[in-house]
């Protein structure tokens, strides 16, 4: 059983999900459902650094993609950021991201970014936020 802790960064408009322990499809699915019932953010960060994903199967990753495709329509121009520290995590994250891109029906809503470290993920978020501020101020 995993522990999923949520941190909210209002300044950068991030909901960060720190996942620790053995994760199951049901836990991940339930956490996503809860998030979409609450206050939505521009960025969600899913940090799987301390996560055992041996109980997550490829077909379940595809089901999560379908779930986010349906719910994600509520988040225009937003990003899901996945931190996948090793080859197994990264491989599943890329399967998810590729599948989601293929099935996603509303291209202006959620995009998926995959990073190997928390530092790289947050550096990208800060850079993307700055670029958007500049574009809005023009």
Protein backbone atom coordinates (compact mmCIF):
# COMPACT_ATOMS: atom_id res chain seq x y z
CA UNK A 1 0.00 0.00 0.00
CA UNK A 2 1.32 3.43 -0.94
CA UNK A 3 1.26 6.70 0.91
CA UNK A 4 0.31 9.59 -1.34
CA UNK A 5 0.92 13.04 0.11
CA UNK A 6 -0.31 16.15 -1.68
CA UNK A 7 1.47 19.50 -1.43
CA UNK A 8 -0.04 22.64 -2.93
CA UNK A 9 2.19 25.45 -4.20
CA UNK A 10 -0.15 28.39 -4.83
CA UNK A 11 2.60 30.62 -6.23
CA UNK A 12 3.41 28.24 -9.10
CA UNK A 13 -0.12 26.73 -9.18
CA UNK A 14 1.07 23.18 -8.52
CA UNK A 15 -0.49 20.15 -6.87
CA UNK A 16 2.45 17.86 -6.08
CA UNK A 17 1.74 14.21 -5.36
CA UNK A 18 4.56 12.47 -3.49
CA UNK A 19 4.01 8.71 -3.83
CA UNK A 20 5.87 6.38 -1.48
CA UNK A 21 5.67 2.62 -1.10
CA UNK A 22 3.95 -0.06 -3.17
CA UNK A 23 1.46 1.63 -5.49
CA UNK A 24 -1.63 -0.10 -6.85
CA UNK A 25 -3.80 0.87 -9.80
CA UNK A 26 -6.77 1.42 -7.46
CA UNK A 27 -4.81 3.89 -5.31
CA UNK A 28 -3.60 5.86 -8.31
CA UNK A 29 -7.02 5.89 -9.94
CA UNK A 30 -8.69 7.00 -6.70
CA UNK A 31 -6.17 9.79 -6.14
CA UNK A 32 -6.73 11.12 -9.65
CA UNK A 33 -10.52 11.05 -9.13
CA UNK A 34 -10.19 12.96 -5.85
CA UNK A 35 -7.94 15.57 -7.45
CA UNK A 36 -10.45 16.25 -10.24
CA UNK A 37 -13.25 16.67 -7.68
CA UNK A 38 -11.30 19.44 -5.92
CA UNK A 39 -9.42 22.59 -6.84
CA UNK A 40 -7.56 22.09 -10.10
CA UNK A 41 -4.09 23.49 -10.74
CA UNK A 42 -2.07 24.43 -13.81
CA UNK A 43 0.52 21.78 -12.95
CA UNK A 44 0.28 18.43 -11.29
CA UNK A 45 3.56 16.82 -10.33
CA UNK A 46 3.60 13.09 -9.76
CA UNK A 47 6.82 12.15 -7.97
CA UNK A 48 7.40 8.39 -8.19
CA UNK A 49 10.97 8.56 -6.84
CA UNK A 50 10.21 6.42 -3.77
CA UNK A 51 7.53 4.29 -5.39
CA UNK A 52 7.43 0.56 -6.04
CA UNK A 53 5.38 0.14 -9.23
CA UNK A 54 5.61 -3.65 -9.56
CA UNK A 55 1.84 -3.92 -9.09
CA UNK A 56 1.08 -1.49 -11.96
CA UNK A 57 0.62 -3.20 -15.31
CA UNK A 58 0.81 -1.69 -18.80
CA UNK A 59 -2.93 -2.14 -19.39
CA UNK A 60 -3.61 -0.25 -16.15
CA UNK A 61 -1.37 2.59 -17.33
CA UNK A 62 -3.54 2.78 -20.44
CA UNK A 63 -6.69 2.87 -18.29
CA UNK A 64 -5.22 5.80 -16.35
CA UNK A 65 -4.62 7.52 -19.69
CA UNK A 66 -8.29 7.13 -20.59
CA UNK A 67 -9.34 8.40 -17.16
CA UNK A 68 -7.18 11.52 -17.45
CA UNK A 69 -8.38 12.07 -21.02
CA UNK A 70 -11.95 12.31 -19.75
CA UNK A 71 -11.23 14.37 -16.61
CA UNK A 72 -8.47 16.45 -18.20
CA UNK A 73 -10.88 18.36 -20.40
CA UNK A 74 -11.50 20.55 -17.35
CA UNK A 75 -7.86 21.77 -17.35
CA UNK A 76 -7.10 23.97 -20.36
CA UNK A 77 -3.42 24.65 -21.11
CA UNK A 78 -2.26 22.63 -18.12
CA UNK A 79 0.48 20.08 -17.53
CA UNK A 80 0.90 16.75 -15.79
CA UNK A 81 4.55 16.38 -14.84
CA UNK A 82 5.79 12.88 -14.04
CA UNK A 83 9.04 12.26 -12.19
CA UNK A 84 10.30 8.82 -13.22
CA UNK A 85 13.74 8.21 -11.69
CA UNK A 86 14.78 4.90 -13.21
CA UNK A 87 14.34 2.92 -16.41
CA UNK A 88 11.23 1.00 -15.27
CA UNK A 89 9.42 4.10 -13.99
CA UNK A 90 10.52 6.05 -17.07
CA UNK A 91 9.36 3.31 -19.45
CA UNK A 92 5.86 3.17 -17.93
CA UNK A 93 5.67 6.97 -17.83
CA UNK A 94 6.56 7.17 -21.52
CA UNK A 95 3.98 4.49 -22.38
CA UNK A 96 1.40 6.60 -20.53
CA UNK A 97 2.52 9.89 -22.15
CA UNK A 98 2.58 8.39 -25.66
CA UNK A 99 -0.79 6.70 -25.28
CA UNK A 100 -2.35 9.82 -23.78
CA UNK A 101 -1.09 11.94 -26.68
CA UNK A 102 -2.63 9.51 -29.18
CA UNK A 103 -6.06 9.27 -27.54
CA UNK A 104 -6.37 12.79 -26.15
CA UNK A 105 -9.31 14.48 -27.83
CA UNK A 106 -8.82 18.06 -26.68
CA UNK A 107 -5.33 19.23 -27.61
CA UNK A 108 -5.55 22.53 -25.70
CA UNK A 109 -6.05 20.88 -22.34
CA UNK A 110 -3.56 18.66 -20.48
CA UNK A 111 -0.07 17.89 -21.76
CA UNK A 112 2.26 15.33 -20.16
CA UNK A 113 5.93 15.95 -19.43
CA UNK A 114 8.26 13.24 -18.09
CA UNK A 115 11.48 13.97 -16.19
CA UNK A 116 14.09 11.81 -14.47
CA UNK A 117 14.54 14.10 -11.43
CA UNK A 118 12.56 16.49 -9.28
CA UNK A 119 15.12 19.20 -9.93
CA UNK A 120 14.67 18.95 -13.71
CA UNK A 121 10.89 18.89 -13.40
CA UNK A 122 10.71 22.01 -11.24
CA UNK A 123 13.29 23.83 -13.35
CA UNK A 124 11.07 23.21 -16.38
CA UNK A 125 7.96 24.40 -14.50
CA UNK A 126 9.67 27.62 -13.40
CA UNK A 127 10.96 28.26 -16.93
CA UNK A 128 7.56 27.52 -18.49
CA UNK A 129 5.83 29.81 -15.98
CA UNK A 130 8.23 32.65 -16.81
CA UNK A 131 7.70 32.20 -20.55
CA UNK A 132 3.93 32.32 -20.06
CA UNK A 133 4.19 35.50 -17.95
CA UNK A 134 6.20 37.18 -20.69
CA UNK A 135 3.70 36.09 -23.36
CA UNK A 136 0.76 37.40 -21.33
CA UNK A 137 2.44 40.77 -20.72
CA UNK A 138 3.06 41.42 -24.46
